[in-house]
């Protein structure tokens, strides 16, 4: 019985250590980005899928991510997810959030960029990095996997999460509020 209690305590400590999954800062291109807000994506009430963090050079500025020319959106996954799931979800919500002109100016590059998603395993992360008004990059575990300099796509890609019809309204609300 005593060994079982020790095992449960050690297991519990391990889960608590895993709970802090988002870094407070991210360094990219010799610039520091601070975690301004975060959200945990859940399936149902208990099953956690991912921790998401919005990183900006300055958290005191407006937290409308669509207005920020420099930002990082980090997704740290707690479950395995296939590349096809990322691609279909991104496509569905990009198409819901952009108008015809934006779609025509970014369609080919969107599909090229979107094809960069790879399968991800529990504990791995994606960083979507918007640098200035014209560069969008996707990193997996700090390794660059695709990028675009299509300014229309770079400015509009984040509408998937922050547009009028976001993937998750609760996530949009949480990420647009400064952490206290």
C-alpha atoms as a PDB file:
ATOM      1  CA  UNK A   1       0.000   0.000   0.000  1.00  0.00           C
ATOM      2  CA  UNK A   2       2.807   2.387   0.902  1.00  0.00           C
ATOM      3  CA  UNK A   3       4.517   1.748  -2.465  1.00  0.00           C
ATOM      4  CA  UNK A   4       1.265   2.464  -4.293  1.00  0.00           C
ATOM      5  CA  UNK A   5       0.926   5.835  -2.522  1.00  0.00           C
ATOM      6  CA  UNK A   6       4.526   6.751  -3.373  1.00  0.00           C
ATOM      7  CA  UNK A   7       3.955   5.758  -7.008  1.00  0.00           C
ATOM      8  CA  UNK A   8       0.771   7.867  -7.198  1.00  0.00           C
ATOM      9  CA  UNK A   9       2.569  10.852  -5.652  1.00  0.00           C
ATOM     10  CA  UNK A  10       5.449  10.555  -8.124  1.00  0.00           C
ATOM     11  CA  UNK A  11       3.046  10.156 -11.037  1.00  0.00           C
ATOM     12  CA  UNK A  12       1.074  13.189  -9.866  1.00  0.00           C
ATOM     13  CA  UNK A  13       4.269  15.256  -9.608  1.00  0.00           C
ATOM     14  CA  UNK A  14       5.129  14.253 -13.175  1.00  0.00           C
ATOM     15  CA  UNK A  15       1.763  15.451 -14.447  1.00  0.00           C
ATOM     16  CA  UNK A  16       2.146  18.735 -12.563  1.00  0.00           C
ATOM     17  CA  UNK A  17       5.590  19.262 -14.100  1.00  0.00           C
ATOM     18  CA  UNK A  18       4.055  18.700 -17.549  1.00  0.00           C
ATOM     19  CA  UNK A  19       1.312  21.243 -16.838  1.00  0.00           C
ATOM     20  CA  UNK A  20       3.628  24.197 -17.505  1.00  0.00           C
ATOM     21  CA  UNK A  21       4.075  23.599 -21.200  1.00  0.00           C
ATOM     22  CA  UNK A  22       4.318  27.071 -22.709  1.00  0.00           C
ATOM     23  CA  UNK A  23       7.508  29.094 -22.386  1.00  0.00           C
ATOM     24  CA  UNK A  24       7.148  32.590 -20.994  1.00  0.00           C
ATOM     25  CA  UNK A  25       9.294  33.920 -23.864  1.00  0.00           C
ATOM     26  CA  UNK A  26      10.387  32.839 -27.328  1.00  0.00           C
ATOM     27  CA  UNK A  27      13.481  34.125 -29.102  1.00  0.00           C
ATOM     28  CA  UNK A  28      13.214  34.438 -32.882  1.00  0.00           C
ATOM     29  CA  UNK A  29      15.577  36.293 -35.245  1.00  0.00           C
ATOM     30  CA  UNK A  30      17.317  37.937 -32.287  1.00  0.00           C
ATOM     31  CA  UNK A  31      14.022  39.338 -31.009  1.00  0.00           C
ATOM     32  CA  UNK A  32      12.229  38.377 -27.825  1.00  0.00           C
ATOM     33  CA  UNK A  33       8.502  37.587 -27.830  1.00  0.00           C
ATOM     34  CA  UNK A  34       6.577  37.426 -24.554  1.00  0.00           C
ATOM     35  CA  UNK A  35       3.638  35.152 -23.779  1.00  0.00           C
ATOM     36  CA  UNK A  36       0.740  37.622 -23.615  1.00  0.00           C
ATOM     37  CA  UNK A  37      -2.183  35.203 -23.399  1.00  0.00           C
ATOM     38  CA  UNK A  38      -2.868  31.486 -23.514  1.00  0.00           C
ATOM     39  CA  UNK A  39      -5.624  28.926 -23.901  1.00  0.00           C
ATOM     40  CA  UNK A  40      -6.002  25.176 -23.490  1.00  0.00           C
ATOM     41  CA  UNK A  41      -7.917  23.415 -26.245  1.00  0.00           C
ATOM     42  CA  UNK A  42     -10.048  20.640 -24.790  1.00  0.00           C
ATOM     43  CA  UNK A  43     -12.173  17.921 -26.273  1.00  0.00           C
ATOM     44  CA  UNK A  44     -15.171  17.720 -23.994  1.00  0.00           C
ATOM     45  CA  UNK A  45     -14.619  18.958 -20.450  1.00  0.00           C
ATOM     46  CA  UNK A  46     -11.556  16.974 -19.468  1.00  0.00           C
ATOM     47  CA  UNK A  47      -9.506  15.741 -22.424  1.00  0.00           C
ATOM     48  CA  UNK A  48      -6.774  18.301 -23.200  1.00  0.00           C
ATOM     49  CA  UNK A  49      -5.605  18.505 -26.816  1.00  0.00           C
ATOM     50  CA  UNK A  50      -3.169  21.440 -26.883  1.00  0.00           C
ATOM     51  CA  UNK A  51      -1.933  24.539 -25.117  1.00  0.00           C
ATOM     52  CA  UNK A  52      -1.924  27.656 -27.293  1.00  0.00           C
ATOM     53  CA  UNK A  53       0.015  30.834 -26.594  1.00  0.00           C
ATOM     54  CA  UNK A  54       0.043  34.239 -28.256  1.00  0.00           C
ATOM     55  CA  UNK A  55       3.490  35.848 -28.145  1.00  0.00           C
ATOM     56  CA  UNK A  56       4.184  39.490 -29.001  1.00  0.00           C
ATOM     57  CA  UNK A  57       7.221  41.758 -28.714  1.00  0.00           C
ATOM     58  CA  UNK A  58       5.141  44.007 -26.417  1.00  0.00           C
ATOM     59  CA  UNK A  59       2.125  42.763 -24.475  1.00  0.00           C
ATOM     60  CA  UNK A  60       1.061  46.272 -23.482  1.00  0.00           C
ATOM     61  CA  UNK A  61      -0.058  47.049 -27.016  1.00  0.00           C
ATOM     62  CA  UNK A  62      -3.469  46.114 -28.379  1.00  0.00           C
ATOM     63  CA  UNK A  63      -4.166  42.410 -28.269  1.00  0.00           C
ATOM     64  CA  UNK A  64      -5.967  42.254 -31.571  1.00  0.00           C
ATOM     65  CA  UNK A  65      -3.577  39.788 -33.186  1.00  0.00           C
ATOM     66  CA  UNK A  66      -4.744  40.721 -36.682  1.00  0.00           C
ATOM     67  CA  UNK A  67      -3.357  44.224 -36.089  1.00  0.00           C
ATOM     68  CA  UNK A  68       0.039  42.982 -34.869  1.00  0.00           C
ATOM     69  CA  UNK A  69       2.705  42.896 -37.606  1.00  0.00           C
ATOM     70  CA  UNK A  70       4.939  40.653 -35.459  1.00  0.00           C
ATOM     71  CA  UNK A  71       3.504  37.711 -33.565  1.00  0.00           C
ATOM     72  CA  UNK A  72       3.973  34.056 -32.771  1.00  0.00           C
ATOM     73  CA  UNK A  73       1.138  31.636 -32.186  1.00  0.00           C
ATOM     74  CA  UNK A  74       2.455  28.488 -30.476  1.00  0.00           C
ATOM     75  CA  UNK A  75       0.473  25.248 -30.341  1.00  0.00           C
ATOM     76  CA  UNK A  76       1.939  22.672 -27.934  1.00  0.00           C
ATOM     77  CA  UNK A  77       0.155  19.366 -28.474  1.00  0.00           C
ATOM     78  CA  UNK A  78      -0.791  16.831 -25.827  1.00  0.00           C
ATOM     79  CA  UNK A  79      -2.066  14.269 -28.356  1.00  0.00           C
ATOM     80  CA  UNK A  80      -0.989  12.984 -31.773  1.00  0.00           C
ATOM     81  CA  UNK A  81      -2.634  14.746 -34.731  1.00  0.00           C
ATOM     82  CA  UNK A  82      -2.300  13.994 -38.441  1.00  0.00           C
ATOM     83  CA  UNK A  83      -1.215  16.540 -41.022  1.00  0.00           C
ATOM     84  CA  UNK A  84      -4.517  16.025 -42.858  1.00  0.00           C
ATOM     85  CA  UNK A  85      -6.431  17.268 -39.794  1.00  0.00           C
ATOM     86  CA  UNK A  86      -4.375  20.475 -39.726  1.00  0.00           C
ATOM     87  CA  UNK A  87      -4.729  21.012 -43.468  1.00  0.00           C
ATOM     88  CA  UNK A  88      -8.496  20.471 -43.633  1.00  0.00           C
ATOM     89  CA  UNK A  89      -9.213  22.631 -40.585  1.00  0.00           C
ATOM     90  CA  UNK A  90      -6.983  25.469 -41.821  1.00  0.00           C
ATOM     91  CA  UNK A  91      -8.614  25.333 -45.244  1.00  0.00           C
ATOM     92  CA  UNK A  92     -12.149  25.343 -43.847  1.00  0.00           C
ATOM     93  CA  UNK A  93     -11.606  28.347 -41.578  1.00  0.00           C
ATOM     94  CA  UNK A  94      -9.407  30.341 -43.954  1.00  0.00           C
ATOM     95  CA  UNK A  95     -12.136  30.106 -46.609  1.00  0.00           C
ATOM     96  CA  UNK A  96     -14.778  31.144 -44.048  1.00  0.00           C
ATOM     97  CA  UNK A  97     -12.831  34.242 -43.003  1.00  0.00           C
ATOM     98  CA  UNK A  98     -11.501  35.831 -46.194  1.00  0.00           C
ATOM     99  CA  UNK A  99     -13.331  37.596 -48.982  1.00  0.00           C
ATOM    100  CA  UNK A 100     -13.102  36.721 -52.672  1.00  0.00           C
ATOM    101  CA  UNK A 101     -10.371  39.296 -53.437  1.00  0.00           C
ATOM    102  CA  UNK A 102      -8.138  38.008 -50.635  1.00  0.00           C
ATOM    103  CA  UNK A 103      -8.752  34.423 -51.697  1.00  0.00           C
ATOM    104  CA  UNK A 104      -7.850  35.151 -55.327  1.00  0.00           C
ATOM    105  CA  UNK A 105      -4.642  36.918 -54.277  1.00  0.00           C
ATOM    106  CA  UNK A 106      -3.563  34.144 -51.904  1.00  0.00           C
ATOM    107  CA  UNK A 107      -5.215  30.886 -52.999  1.00  0.00           C
ATOM    108  CA  UNK A 108      -2.264  29.149 -54.681  1.00  0.00           C
ATOM    109  CA  UNK A 109       0.181  30.209 -51.971  1.00  0.00           C
ATOM    110  CA  UNK A 110      -2.283  29.200 -49.239  1.00  0.00           C
ATOM    111  CA  UNK A 111      -2.438  25.632 -50.566  1.00  0.00           C
ATOM    112  CA  UNK A 112       1.353  25.470 -50.946  1.00  0.00           C
ATOM    113  CA  UNK A 113       1.875  26.774 -47.396  1.00  0.00           C
ATOM    114  CA  UNK A 114      -0.884  24.591 -45.959  1.00  0.00           C
ATOM    115  CA  UNK A 115       0.736  21.476 -47.461  1.00  0.00           C
ATOM    116  CA  UNK A 116       3.697  22.106 -45.121  1.00  0.00           C
ATOM    117  CA  UNK A 117       1.867  20.770 -42.082  1.00  0.00           C
ATOM    118  CA  UNK A 118       3.224  17.450 -40.827  1.00  0.00           C
ATOM    119  CA  UNK A 119       1.930  14.834 -38.413  1.00  0.00           C
ATOM    120  CA  UNK A 120       2.598  15.866 -34.823  1.00  0.00           C
ATOM    121  CA  UNK A 121       3.035  13.785 -31.691  1.00  0.00           C
ATOM    122  CA  UNK A 122       2.239  14.523 -28.079  1.00  0.00           C
ATOM    123  CA  UNK A 123       4.822  16.937 -26.644  1.00  0.00           C
ATOM    124  CA  UNK A 124       5.688  18.533 -29.999  1.00  0.00           C
ATOM    125  CA  UNK A 125       4.771  22.059 -31.033  1.00  0.00           C
ATOM    126  CA  UNK A 126       4.085  24.308 -33.981  1.00  0.00           C
ATOM    127  CA  UNK A 127       4.999  27.994 -34.133  1.00  0.00           C
ATOM    128  CA  UNK A 128       3.246  30.208 -36.663  1.00  0.00           C
ATOM    129  CA  UNK A 129       5.379  33.312 -37.009  1.00  0.00           C
ATOM    130  CA  UNK A 130       4.254  36.541 -38.648  1.00  0.00           C
ATOM    131  CA  UNK A 131       7.197  38.872 -39.262  1.00  0.00           C
ATOM    132  CA  UNK A 132       6.337  42.304 -40.533  1.00  0.00           C
ATOM    133  CA  UNK A 133       3.492  42.508 -43.002  1.00  0.00           C
ATOM    134  CA  UNK A 134       4.874  40.132 -45.577  1.00  0.00           C
ATOM    135  CA  UNK A 135       6.432  36.992 -44.090  1.00  0.00           C
ATOM    136  CA  UNK A 136       4.663  34.012 -42.578  1.00  0.00           C
ATOM    137  CA  UNK A 137       6.598  30.982 -41.348  1.00  0.00           C
ATOM    138  CA  UNK A 138       5.645  27.620 -39.898  1.00  0.00           C
ATOM    139  CA  UNK A 139       8.054  25.902 -37.522  1.00  0.00           C
ATOM    140  CA  UNK A 140       7.777  22.467 -35.953  1.00  0.00           C
ATOM    141  CA  UNK A 141       9.848  22.022 -32.788  1.00  0.00           C
ATOM    142  CA  UNK A 142      12.005  25.046 -33.735  1.00  0.00           C
ATOM    143  CA  UNK A 143      12.726  23.733 -37.242  1.00  0.00           C
ATOM    144  CA  UNK A 144      11.424  25.741 -40.212  1.00  0.00           C
ATOM    145  CA  UNK A 145       9.137  23.628 -42.405  1.00  0.00           C
ATOM    146  CA  UNK A 146       7.608  26.241 -44.708  1.00  0.00           C
ATOM    147  CA  UNK A 147       7.375  29.974 -45.279  1.00  0.00           C
ATOM    148  CA  UNK A 148       5.776  32.482 -47.595  1.00  0.00           C
ATOM    149  CA  UNK A 149       6.372  36.088 -48.505  1.00  0.00           C
ATOM    150  CA  UNK A 150       2.925  36.496 -50.021  1.00  0.00           C
ATOM    151  CA  UNK A 151       1.830  39.589 -48.088  1.00  0.00           C
ATOM    152  CA  UNK A 152      -1.893  38.894 -48.587  1.00  0.00           C
ATOM    153  CA  UNK A 153      -1.572  35.411 -47.097  1.00  0.00           C
ATOM    154  CA  UNK A 154       0.720  36.604 -44.301  1.00  0.00           C
ATOM    155  CA  UNK A 155      -1.759  39.313 -43.270  1.00  0.00           C
ATOM    156  CA  UNK A 156      -4.810  37.059 -43.450  1.00  0.00           C
ATOM    157  CA  UNK A 157      -3.682  33.590 -42.317  1.00  0.00           C
ATOM    158  CA  UNK A 158      -4.360  34.356 -38.652  1.00  0.00           C
ATOM    159  CA  UNK A 159      -8.056  34.933 -39.451  1.00  0.00           C
ATOM    160  CA  UNK A 160      -8.315  31.158 -39.020  1.00  0.00           C
ATOM    161  CA  UNK A 161      -8.120  31.806 -35.246  1.00  0.00           C
ATOM    162  CA  UNK A 162      -8.962  35.510 -34.956  1.00  0.00           C
ATOM    163  CA  UNK A 163     -11.392  36.231 -37.799  1.00  0.00           C
ATOM    164  CA  UNK A 164     -15.159  36.688 -37.676  1.00  0.00           C
ATOM    165  CA  UNK A 165     -15.642  32.890 -37.815  1.00  0.00           C
ATOM    166  CA  UNK A 166     -12.700  31.467 -35.842  1.00  0.00           C
ATOM    167  CA  UNK A 167     -11.982  27.787 -35.239  1.00  0.00           C
ATOM    168  CA  UNK A 168     -12.858  28.251 -31.547  1.00  0.00           C
ATOM    169  CA  UNK A 169     -14.618  31.390 -30.312  1.00  0.00           C
ATOM    170  CA  UNK A 170     -13.499  30.715 -26.717  1.00  0.00           C
ATOM    171  CA  UNK A 171      -9.883  30.530 -27.838  1.00  0.00           C
ATOM    172  CA  UNK A 172     -10.162  33.795 -29.773  1.00  0.00           C
ATOM    173  CA  UNK A 173     -11.640  35.500 -26.702  1.00  0.00           C
ATOM    174  CA  UNK A 174      -8.998  34.111 -24.342  1.00  0.00           C
ATOM    175  CA  UNK A 175      -6.066  34.962 -26.610  1.00  0.00           C
ATOM    176  CA  UNK A 176      -7.203  38.544 -27.115  1.00  0.00           C
ATOM    177  CA  UNK A 177      -7.130  39.271 -23.378  1.00  0.00           C
ATOM    178  CA  UNK A 178      -3.876  40.137 -21.613  1.00  0.00           C
ATOM    179  CA  UNK A 179      -2.832  37.672 -18.900  1.00  0.00           C
ATOM    180  CA  UNK A 180      -2.887  39.092 -15.415  1.00  0.00           C
END
